[in-house]
PDB file of N, CA and C in Angstrom:
ATOM      1  N   MET A   1      10.486  25.900 -38.972  1.00  0.00           N
ATOM      2  CA  MET A   1      11.116  24.773 -38.318  1.00  0.00           C
ATOM      3  C   MET A   1      11.099  24.945 -36.798  1.00  0.00           C
ATOM      4  N   LYS A   2      11.300  26.187 -36.310  1.00  0.00           N
ATOM      5  CA  LYS A   2      11.279  26.435 -34.876  1.00  0.00           C
ATOM      6  C   LYS A   2       9.897  26.148 -34.302  1.00  0.00           C
ATOM      7  N   HIS A   3       8.861  26.441 -35.082  1.00  0.00           N
ATOM      8  CA  HIS A   3       7.501  26.204 -34.634  1.00  0.00           C
ATOM      9  C   HIS A   3       7.253  24.707 -34.417  1.00  0.00           C
ATOM     10  N   LEU A   4       7.794  23.875 -35.271  1.00  0.00           N
ATOM     11  CA  LEU A   4       7.640  22.434 -35.141  1.00  0.00           C
ATOM     12  C   LEU A   4       8.343  21.922 -33.879  1.00  0.00           C
ATOM     13  N   ASN A   5       9.526  22.402 -33.588  1.00  0.00           N
ATOM     14  CA  ASN A   5      10.250  21.993 -32.392  1.00  0.00           C
ATOM     15  C   ASN A   5       9.538  22.464 -31.119  1.00  0.00           C
ATOM     16  N   ARG A   6       8.990  23.661 -31.161  1.00  0.00           N
ATOM     17  CA  ARG A   6       8.282  24.210 -30.015  1.00  0.00           C
ATOM     18  C   ARG A   6       7.014  23.380 -29.739  1.00  0.00           C
ATOM     19  N   SER A   7       6.304  22.973 -30.786  1.00  0.00           N
ATOM     20  CA  SER A   7       5.090  22.175 -30.584  1.00  0.00           C
ATOM     21  C   SER A   7       5.433  20.783 -30.055  1.00  0.00           C
ATOM     22  N   LYS A   8       6.551  20.227 -30.495  1.00  0.00           N
ATOM     23  CA  LYS A   8       6.980  18.932 -29.948  1.00  0.00           C
ATOM     24  C   LYS A   8       7.317  19.060 -28.470  1.00  0.00           C
ATOM     25  N   LEU A   9       7.967  20.147 -28.105  1.00  0.00           N
ATOM     26  CA  LEU A   9       8.325  20.377 -26.709  1.00  0.00           C
ATOM     27  C   LEU A   9       7.079  20.543 -25.842  1.00  0.00           C
ATOM     28  N   ILE A  10       6.100  21.273 -26.322  1.00  0.00           N
ATOM     29  CA  ILE A  10       4.853  21.475 -25.578  1.00  0.00           C
ATOM     30  C   ILE A  10       4.103  20.154 -25.431  1.00  0.00           C
ATOM     31  N   THR A  11       4.065  19.358 -26.490  1.00  0.00           N
ATOM     32  CA  THR A  11       3.397  18.054 -26.436  1.00  0.00           C
ATOM     33  C   THR A  11       4.092  17.124 -25.447  1.00  0.00           C
ATOM     34  N   LEU A  12       5.417  17.113 -25.464  1.00  0.00           N
ATOM     35  CA  LEU A  12       6.179  16.283 -24.533  1.00  0.00           C
ATOM     36  C   LEU A  12       5.927  16.704 -23.085  1.00  0.00           C
ATOM     37  N   ALA A  13       5.904  17.999 -22.821  1.00  0.00           N
ATOM     38  CA  ALA A  13       5.671  18.498 -21.471  1.00  0.00           C
ATOM     39  C   ALA A  13       4.260  18.157 -20.994  1.00  0.00           C
ATOM     40  N   ALA A  14       3.274  18.299 -21.868  1.00  0.00           N
ATOM     41  CA  ALA A  14       1.888  17.989 -21.489  1.00  0.00           C
ATOM     42  C   ALA A  14       1.718  16.491 -21.223  1.00  0.00           C
ATOM     43  N   THR A  15       2.346  15.665 -22.054  1.00  0.00           N
ATOM     44  CA  THR A  15       2.255  14.215 -21.853  1.00  0.00           C
ATOM     45  C   THR A  15       2.919  13.805 -20.546  1.00  0.00           C
ATOM     46  N   SER A  16       4.060  14.391 -20.239  1.00  0.00           N
ATOM     47  CA  SER A  16       4.758  14.080 -18.991  1.00  0.00           C
ATOM     48  C   SER A  16       3.934  14.492 -17.774  1.00  0.00           C
ATOM     49  N   ALA A  17       3.334  15.673 -17.825  1.00  0.00           N
ATOM     50  CA  ALA A  17       2.508  16.146 -16.707  1.00  0.00           C
ATOM     51  C   ALA A  17       1.291  15.256 -16.508  1.00  0.00           C
ATOM     52  N   LEU A  18       0.674  14.844 -17.590  1.00  0.00           N
ATOM     53  CA  LEU A  18      -0.489  13.968 -17.493  1.00  0.00           C
ATOM     54  C   LEU A  18      -0.104  12.606 -16.916  1.00  0.00           C
ATOM     55  N   GLY A  19       1.003  12.055 -17.360  1.00  0.00           N
ATOM     56  CA  GLY A  19       1.473  10.765 -16.841  1.00  0.00           C
ATOM     57  C   GLY A  19       1.807  10.839 -15.361  1.00  0.00           C
ATOM     58  N   LEU A  20       2.425  11.920 -14.943  1.00  0.00           N
ATOM     59  CA  LEU A  20       2.757  12.094 -13.532  1.00  0.00           C
ATOM     60  C   LEU A  20       1.502  12.218 -12.679  1.00  0.00           C
ATOM     61  N   SER A  21       0.475  12.860 -13.184  1.00  0.00           N
ATOM     62  CA  SER A  21      -0.762  13.012 -12.409  1.00  0.00           C
ATOM     63  C   SER A  21      -1.431  11.659 -12.191  1.00  0.00           C
ATOM     64  N   PHE A  22      -1.351  10.751 -13.159  1.00  0.00           N
ATOM     65  CA  PHE A  22      -1.924   9.420 -12.978  1.00  0.00           C
ATOM     66  C   PHE A  22      -1.163   8.626 -11.922  1.00  0.00           C
ATOM     67  N   LEU A  23       0.115   8.879 -11.792  1.00  0.00           N
ATOM     68  CA  LEU A  23       0.915   8.159 -10.808  1.00  0.00           C
ATOM     69  C   LEU A  23       0.668   8.648  -9.384  1.00  0.00           C
ATOM     70  N   THR A  24       0.324   9.912  -9.217  1.00  0.00           N
ATOM     71  CA  THR A  24       0.181  10.461  -7.872  1.00  0.00           C
ATOM     72  C   THR A  24      -1.243  10.452  -7.344  1.00  0.00           C
ATOM     73  N   VAL A  25      -2.242  10.308  -8.177  1.00  0.00           N
ATOM     74  CA  VAL A  25      -3.637  10.353  -7.754  1.00  0.00           C
ATOM     75  C   VAL A  25      -4.163   8.940  -7.559  1.00  0.00           C
ATOM     76  N   GLY A  26      -4.912   8.728  -6.482  1.00  0.00           N
ATOM     77  CA  GLY A  26      -5.596   7.461  -6.298  1.00  0.00           C
ATOM     78  C   GLY A  26      -4.810   6.402  -5.550  1.00  0.00           C
ATOM     79  N   CYS A  27      -3.646   6.717  -5.049  1.00  0.00           N
ATOM     80  CA  CYS A  27      -2.842   5.724  -4.340  1.00  0.00           C
ATOM     81  C   CYS A  27      -3.039   5.881  -2.836  1.00  0.00           C
ATOM     82  N   GLU A  28      -3.087   4.752  -2.147  1.00  0.00           N
ATOM     83  CA  GLU A  28      -3.153   4.797  -0.696  1.00  0.00           C
ATOM     84  C   GLU A  28      -1.753   5.066  -0.149  1.00  0.00           C
ATOM     85  N   ARG A  29      -1.716   5.751   0.962  1.00  0.00           N
ATOM     86  CA  ARG A  29      -0.450   6.067   1.613  1.00  0.00           C
ATOM     87  C   ARG A  29      -0.356   5.244   2.890  1.00  0.00           C
ATOM     88  N   THR A  30       0.766   4.561   3.088  1.00  0.00           N
ATOM     89  CA  THR A  30       0.966   3.784   4.304  1.00  0.00           C
ATOM     90  C   THR A  30       1.399   4.728   5.411  1.00  0.00           C
ATOM     91  N   VAL A  31       0.582   4.781   6.466  1.00  0.00           N
ATOM     92  CA  VAL A  31       0.867   5.658   7.599  1.00  0.00           C
ATOM     93  C   VAL A  31       1.741   4.939   8.615  1.00  0.00           C
ATOM     94  N   SER A  32       1.442   3.660   8.857  1.00  0.00           N
ATOM     95  CA  SER A  32       2.175   2.875   9.841  1.00  0.00           C
ATOM     96  C   SER A  32       2.228   1.415   9.400  1.00  0.00           C
ATOM     97  N   HIS A  33       3.354   0.761   9.686  1.00  0.00           N
ATOM     98  CA  HIS A  33       3.502  -0.652   9.342  1.00  0.00           C
ATOM     99  C   HIS A  33       4.420  -1.298  10.377  1.00  0.00           C
ATOM    100  N   THR A  34       3.920  -2.344  11.060  1.00  0.00           N
ATOM    101  CA  THR A  34       4.733  -3.067  12.042  1.00  0.00           C
ATOM    102  C   THR A  34       4.636  -4.563  11.782  1.00  0.00           C
ATOM    103  N   GLU A  35       5.731  -5.270  12.089  1.00  0.00           N
ATOM    104  CA  GLU A  35       5.773  -6.719  11.932  1.00  0.00           C
ATOM    105  C   GLU A  35       6.393  -7.334  13.186  1.00  0.00           C
ATOM    106  N   GLU A  36       5.838  -8.474  13.604  1.00  0.00           N
ATOM    107  CA  GLU A  36       6.352  -9.236  14.742  1.00  0.00           C
ATOM    108  C   GLU A  36       6.421 -10.689  14.341  1.00  0.00           C
ATOM    109  N   SER A  37       7.493 -11.386  14.727  1.00  0.00           N
ATOM    110  CA  SER A  37       7.605 -12.821  14.483  1.00  0.00           C
ATOM    111  C   SER A  37       8.091 -13.511  15.747  1.00  0.00           C
ATOM    112  N   ASN A  38       7.473 -14.643  16.046  1.00  0.00           N
ATOM    113  CA  ASN A  38       7.872 -15.448  17.195  1.00  0.00           C
ATOM    114  C   ASN A  38       8.041 -16.894  16.746  1.00  0.00           C
ATOM    115  N   VAL A  39       9.096 -17.558  17.239  1.00  0.00           N
ATOM    116  CA  VAL A  39       9.327 -18.963  16.928  1.00  0.00           C
ATOM    117  C   VAL A  39       9.132 -19.757  18.211  1.00  0.00           C
ATOM    118  N   LYS A  40       8.228 -20.744  18.153  1.00  0.00           N
ATOM    119  CA  LYS A  40       7.967 -21.582  19.319  1.00  0.00           C
ATOM    120  C   LYS A  40       9.006 -22.704  19.396  1.00  0.00           C
ATOM    121  N   ASP A  41       8.999 -23.418  20.507  1.00  0.00           N
ATOM    122  CA  ASP A  41       9.942 -24.518  20.706  1.00  0.00           C
ATOM    123  C   ASP A  41       9.774 -25.637  19.680  1.00  0.00           C
ATOM    124  N   ASP A  42       8.545 -25.852  19.209  1.00  0.00           N
ATOM    125  CA  ASP A  42       8.302 -26.930  18.250  1.00  0.00           C
ATOM    126  C   ASP A  42       8.620 -26.523  16.810  1.00  0.00           C
ATOM    127  N   GLY A  43       9.102 -25.287  16.586  1.00  0.00           N
ATOM    128  CA  GLY A  43       9.473 -24.833  15.249  1.00  0.00           C
ATOM    129  C   GLY A  43       8.398 -24.049  14.529  1.00  0.00           C
ATOM    130  N   THR A  44       7.249 -23.877  15.149  1.00  0.00           N
ATOM    131  CA  THR A  44       6.165 -23.107  14.544  1.00  0.00           C
ATOM    132  C   THR A  44       6.522 -21.620  14.569  1.00  0.00           C
ATOM    133  N   VAL A  45       6.334 -20.955  13.444  1.00  0.00           N
ATOM    134  CA  VAL A  45       6.608 -19.520  13.349  1.00  0.00           C
ATOM    135  C   VAL A  45       5.282 -18.782  13.270  1.00  0.00           C
ATOM    136  N   LYS A  46       5.073 -17.846  14.198  1.00  0.00           N
ATOM    137  CA  LYS A  46       3.869 -17.022  14.195  1.00  0.00           C
ATOM    138  C   LYS A  46       4.283 -15.585  13.911  1.00  0.00           C
ATOM    139  N   SER A  47       3.646 -14.996  12.878  1.00  0.00           N
ATOM    140  CA  SER A  47       3.943 -13.622  12.483  1.00  0.00           C
ATOM    141  C   SER A  47       2.680 -12.786  12.561  1.00  0.00           C
ATOM    142  N   LYS A  48       2.836 -11.533  12.975  1.00  0.00           N
ATOM    143  CA  LYS A  48       1.724 -10.592  13.031  1.00  0.00           C
ATOM    144  C   LYS A  48       2.167  -9.309  12.342  1.00  0.00           C
ATOM    145  N   GLU A  49       1.319  -8.812  11.462  1.00  0.00           N
ATOM    146  CA  GLU A  49       1.621  -7.600  10.706  1.00  0.00           C
ATOM    147  C   GLU A  49       0.442  -6.646  10.830  1.00  0.00           C
ATOM    148  N   LYS A  50       0.727  -5.403  11.193  1.00  0.00           N
ATOM    149  CA  LYS A  50      -0.312  -4.375  11.297  1.00  0.00           C
ATOM    150  C   LYS A  50       0.037  -3.241  10.343  1.00  0.00           C
ATOM    151  N   THR A  51      -0.968  -2.826   9.550  1.00  0.00           N
ATOM    152  CA  THR A  51      -0.764  -1.759   8.575  1.00  0.00           C
ATOM    153  C   THR A  51      -1.896  -0.750   8.694  1.00  0.00           C
ATOM    154  N   VAL A  52      -1.539   0.522   8.705  1.00  0.00           N
ATOM    155  CA  VAL A  52      -2.512   1.611   8.704  1.00  0.00           C
ATOM    156  C   VAL A  52      -2.291   2.393   7.412  1.00  0.00           C
ATOM    157  N   THR A  53      -3.352   2.505   6.601  1.00  0.00           N
ATOM    158  CA  THR A  53      -3.252   3.227   5.338  1.00  0.00           C
ATOM    159  C   THR A  53      -4.265   4.364   5.296  1.00  0.00           C
ATOM    160  N   GLU A  54      -3.935   5.381   4.492  1.00  0.00           N
ATOM    161  CA  GLU A  54      -4.837   6.515   4.305  1.00  0.00           C
ATOM    162  C   GLU A  54      -5.107   6.679   2.817  1.00  0.00           C
ATOM    163  N   ALA A  55      -6.384   6.669   2.454  1.00  0.00           N
ATOM    164  CA  ALA A  55      -6.802   6.841   1.061  1.00  0.00           C
ATOM    165  C   ALA A  55      -6.803   8.326   0.703  1.00  0.00           C
ATOM    166  N   PRO A  56      -6.821   8.636  -0.585  1.00  0.00           N
ATOM    167  CA  PRO A  56      -6.834  10.048  -1.001  1.00  0.00           C
ATOM    168  C   PRO A  56      -8.020  10.841  -0.461  1.00  0.00           C
ATOM    169  N   ASP A  57      -9.145  10.163  -0.182  1.00  0.00           N
ATOM    170  CA  ASP A  57     -10.313  10.883   0.350  1.00  0.00           C
ATOM    171  C   ASP A  57     -10.252  11.069   1.867  1.00  0.00           C
ATOM    172  N   GLY A  58      -9.161  10.619   2.509  1.00  0.00           N
ATOM    173  CA  GLY A  58      -8.982  10.790   3.946  1.00  0.00           C
ATOM    174  C   GLY A  58      -9.385   9.586   4.773  1.00  0.00           C
ATOM    175  N   THR A  59      -9.910   8.535   4.168  1.00  0.00           N
ATOM    176  CA  THR A  59     -10.322   7.336   4.890  1.00  0.00           C
ATOM    177  C   THR A  59      -9.091   6.613   5.429  1.00  0.00           C
ATOM    178  N   VAL A  60      -9.098   6.302   6.727  1.00  0.00           N
ATOM    179  CA  VAL A  60      -7.998   5.592   7.373  1.00  0.00           C
ATOM    180  C   VAL A  60      -8.446   4.160   7.638  1.00  0.00           C
ATOM    181  N   THR A  61      -7.640   3.181   7.193  1.00  0.00           N
ATOM    182  CA  THR A  61      -7.973   1.768   7.351  1.00  0.00           C
ATOM    183  C   THR A  61      -6.860   1.060   8.109  1.00  0.00           C
ATOM    184  N   LYS A  62      -7.243   0.300   9.139  1.00  0.00           N
ATOM    185  CA  LYS A  62      -6.289  -0.495   9.913  1.00  0.00           C
ATOM    186  C   LYS A  62      -6.498  -1.964   9.573  1.00  0.00           C
ATOM    187  N   THR A  63      -5.429  -2.630   9.139  1.00  0.00           N
ATOM    188  CA  THR A  63      -5.503  -4.031   8.744  1.00  0.00           C
ATOM    189  C   THR A  63      -4.494  -4.837   9.547  1.00  0.00           C
ATOM    190  N   GLU A  64      -4.924  -6.018  10.013  1.00  0.00           N
ATOM    191  CA  GLU A  64      -4.045  -6.910  10.768  1.00  0.00           C
ATOM    192  C   GLU A  64      -3.984  -8.263  10.057  1.00  0.00           C
ATOM    193  N   THR A  65      -2.788  -8.755   9.827  1.00  0.00           N
ATOM    194  CA  THR A  65      -2.592 -10.046   9.179  1.00  0.00           C
ATOM    195  C   THR A  65      -1.785 -10.938  10.108  1.00  0.00           C
ATOM    196  N   ARG A  66      -2.303 -12.155  10.327  1.00  0.00           N
ATOM    197  CA  ARG A  66      -1.597 -13.145  11.146  1.00  0.00           C
ATOM    198  C   ARG A  66      -1.250 -14.339  10.274  1.00  0.00           C
ATOM    199  N   LYS A  67      -0.028 -14.818  10.411  1.00  0.00           N
ATOM    200  CA  LYS A  67       0.439 -15.934   9.594  1.00  0.00           C
ATOM    201  C   LYS A  67       1.119 -16.949  10.508  1.00  0.00           C
ATOM    202  N   THR A  68       0.732 -18.216  10.358  1.00  0.00           N
ATOM    203  CA  THR A  68       1.321 -19.300  11.135  1.00  0.00           C
ATOM    204  C   THR A  68       1.929 -20.306  10.165  1.00  0.00           C
ATOM    205  N   THR A  69       3.209 -20.600  10.352  1.00  0.00           N
ATOM    206  CA  THR A  69       3.893 -21.583   9.520  1.00  0.00           C
ATOM    207  C   THR A  69       4.325 -22.742  10.405  1.00  0.00           C
ATOM    208  N   GLU A  70       3.805 -23.922  10.100  1.00  0.00           N
ATOM    209  CA  GLU A  70       4.130 -25.137  10.855  1.00  0.00           C
ATOM    210  C   GLU A  70       5.493 -25.674  10.412  1.00  0.00           C
ATOM    211  N   PRO A  71       6.124 -26.511  11.236  1.00  0.00           N
ATOM    212  CA  PRO A  71       7.422 -27.085  10.867  1.00  0.00           C
ATOM    213  C   PRO A  71       7.370 -27.927   9.585  1.00  0.00           C
ATOM    214  N   ASP A  72       6.204 -28.513   9.275  1.00  0.00           N
ATOM    215  CA  ASP A  72       6.086 -29.324   8.060  1.00  0.00           C
ATOM    216  C   ASP A  72       5.872 -28.472   6.805  1.00  0.00           C
ATOM    217  N   GLY A  73       5.823 -27.136   6.940  1.00  0.00           N
ATOM    218  CA  GLY A  73       5.691 -26.241   5.798  1.00  0.00           C
ATOM    219  C   GLY A  73       4.284 -25.724   5.555  1.00  0.00           C
ATOM    220  N   ALA A  74       3.295 -26.237   6.285  1.00  0.00           N
ATOM    221  CA  ALA A  74       1.914 -25.764   6.116  1.00  0.00           C
ATOM    222  C   ALA A  74       1.796 -24.337   6.654  1.00  0.00           C
ATOM    223  N   THR A  75       1.146 -23.480   5.869  1.00  0.00           N
ATOM    224  CA  THR A  75       1.004 -22.081   6.248  1.00  0.00           C
ATOM    225  C   THR A  75      -0.467 -21.703   6.303  1.00  0.00           C
ATOM    226  N   LYS A  76      -0.835 -20.989   7.379  1.00  0.00           N
ATOM    227  CA  LYS A  76      -2.201 -20.492   7.534  1.00  0.00           C
ATOM    228  C   LYS A  76      -2.108 -18.973   7.665  1.00  0.00           C
ATOM    229  N   THR A  77      -2.863 -18.268   6.827  1.00  0.00           N
ATOM    230  CA  THR A  77      -2.858 -16.802   6.846  1.00  0.00           C
ATOM    231  C   THR A  77      -4.269 -16.290   7.108  1.00  0.00           C
ATOM    232  N   GLU A  78      -4.375 -15.332   8.027  1.00  0.00           N
ATOM    233  CA  GLU A  78      -5.656 -14.716   8.365  1.00  0.00           C
ATOM    234  C   GLU A  78      -5.477 -13.202   8.310  1.00  0.00           C
ATOM    235  N   SER A  79      -6.305 -12.544   7.511  1.00  0.00           N
ATOM    236  CA  SER A  79      -6.216 -11.097   7.379  1.00  0.00           C
ATOM    237  C   SER A  79      -7.586 -10.493   7.657  1.00  0.00           C
ATOM    238  N   LYS A  80      -7.605  -9.420   8.453  1.00  0.00           N
ATOM    239  CA  LYS A  80      -8.884  -8.767   8.740  1.00  0.00           C
ATOM    240  C   LYS A  80      -8.680  -7.267   8.875  1.00  0.00           C
ATOM    241  N   THR A  81      -9.714  -6.536   8.500  1.00  0.00           N
ATOM    242  CA  THR A  81      -9.720  -5.094   8.656  1.00  0.00           C
ATOM    243  C   THR A  81     -10.288  -4.790  10.029  1.00  0.00           C
ATOM    244  N   ILE A  82      -9.479  -4.146  10.852  1.00  0.00           N
ATOM    245  CA  ILE A  82      -9.873  -3.871  12.227  1.00  0.00           C
ATOM    246  C   ILE A  82     -10.856  -2.699  12.277  1.00  0.00           C
ATOM    247  N   SER A  83     -10.523  -1.609  11.582  1.00  0.00           N
ATOM    248  CA  SER A  83     -11.442  -0.473  11.587  1.00  0.00           C
ATOM    249  C   SER A  83     -11.202   0.395  10.360  1.00  0.00           C
ATOM    250  N   THR A  84     -12.233   1.097   9.984  1.00  0.00           N
ATOM    251  CA  THR A  84     -12.158   2.072   8.889  1.00  0.00           C
ATOM    252  C   THR A  84     -12.781   3.359   9.380  1.00  0.00           C
ATOM    253  N   ASN A  85     -12.029   4.419   9.334  1.00  0.00           N
ATOM    254  CA  ASN A  85     -12.531   5.730   9.777  1.00  0.00           C
ATOM    255  C   ASN A  85     -12.673   6.628   8.574  1.00  0.00           C
ATOM    256  N   LYS A  86     -13.907   7.008   8.274  1.00  0.00           N
ATOM    257  CA  LYS A  86     -14.156   7.913   7.158  1.00  0.00           C
ATOM    258  C   LYS A  86     -14.250   9.336   7.709  1.00  0.00           C
ATOM    259  N   PRO A  87     -13.664  10.299   7.001  1.00  0.00           N
ATOM    260  CA  PRO A  87     -13.734  11.688   7.482  1.00  0.00           C
ATOM    261  C   PRO A  87     -15.153  12.234   7.414  1.00  0.00           C
ATOM    262  N   GLN A  88     -15.459  13.110   8.350  1.00  0.00           N
ATOM    263  CA  GLN A  88     -16.778  13.737   8.394  1.00  0.00           C
ATOM    264  C   GLN A  88     -16.832  14.879   7.402  1.00  0.00           C
ATOM    265  N   PRO A  89     -17.906  15.020   6.643  1.00  0.00           N
ATOM    266  CA  PRO A  89     -17.996  16.137   5.675  1.00  0.00           C
ATOM    267  C   PRO A  89     -18.190  17.469   6.333  1.00  0.00           C
TER     268      PRO A  89
END
């Protein structure tokens, strides 16, 4: 009976370790994130967001998103990648 409990414990520990490894591998890490919002006299809201992320392989990506919301509710969003720096081997 003790052998059965020990094997269940080992299986549970191995499954937990495997699940945790899937959660930690392959995710980008946010290095920097800034947001700015300005409201004009006519009610237009202009927002700018800058994000710098680092991939597991060391690649650093800078992304800038601009969003304009008109007083009538119309929204325009523009997102672009400013630069990508890949590490040298």
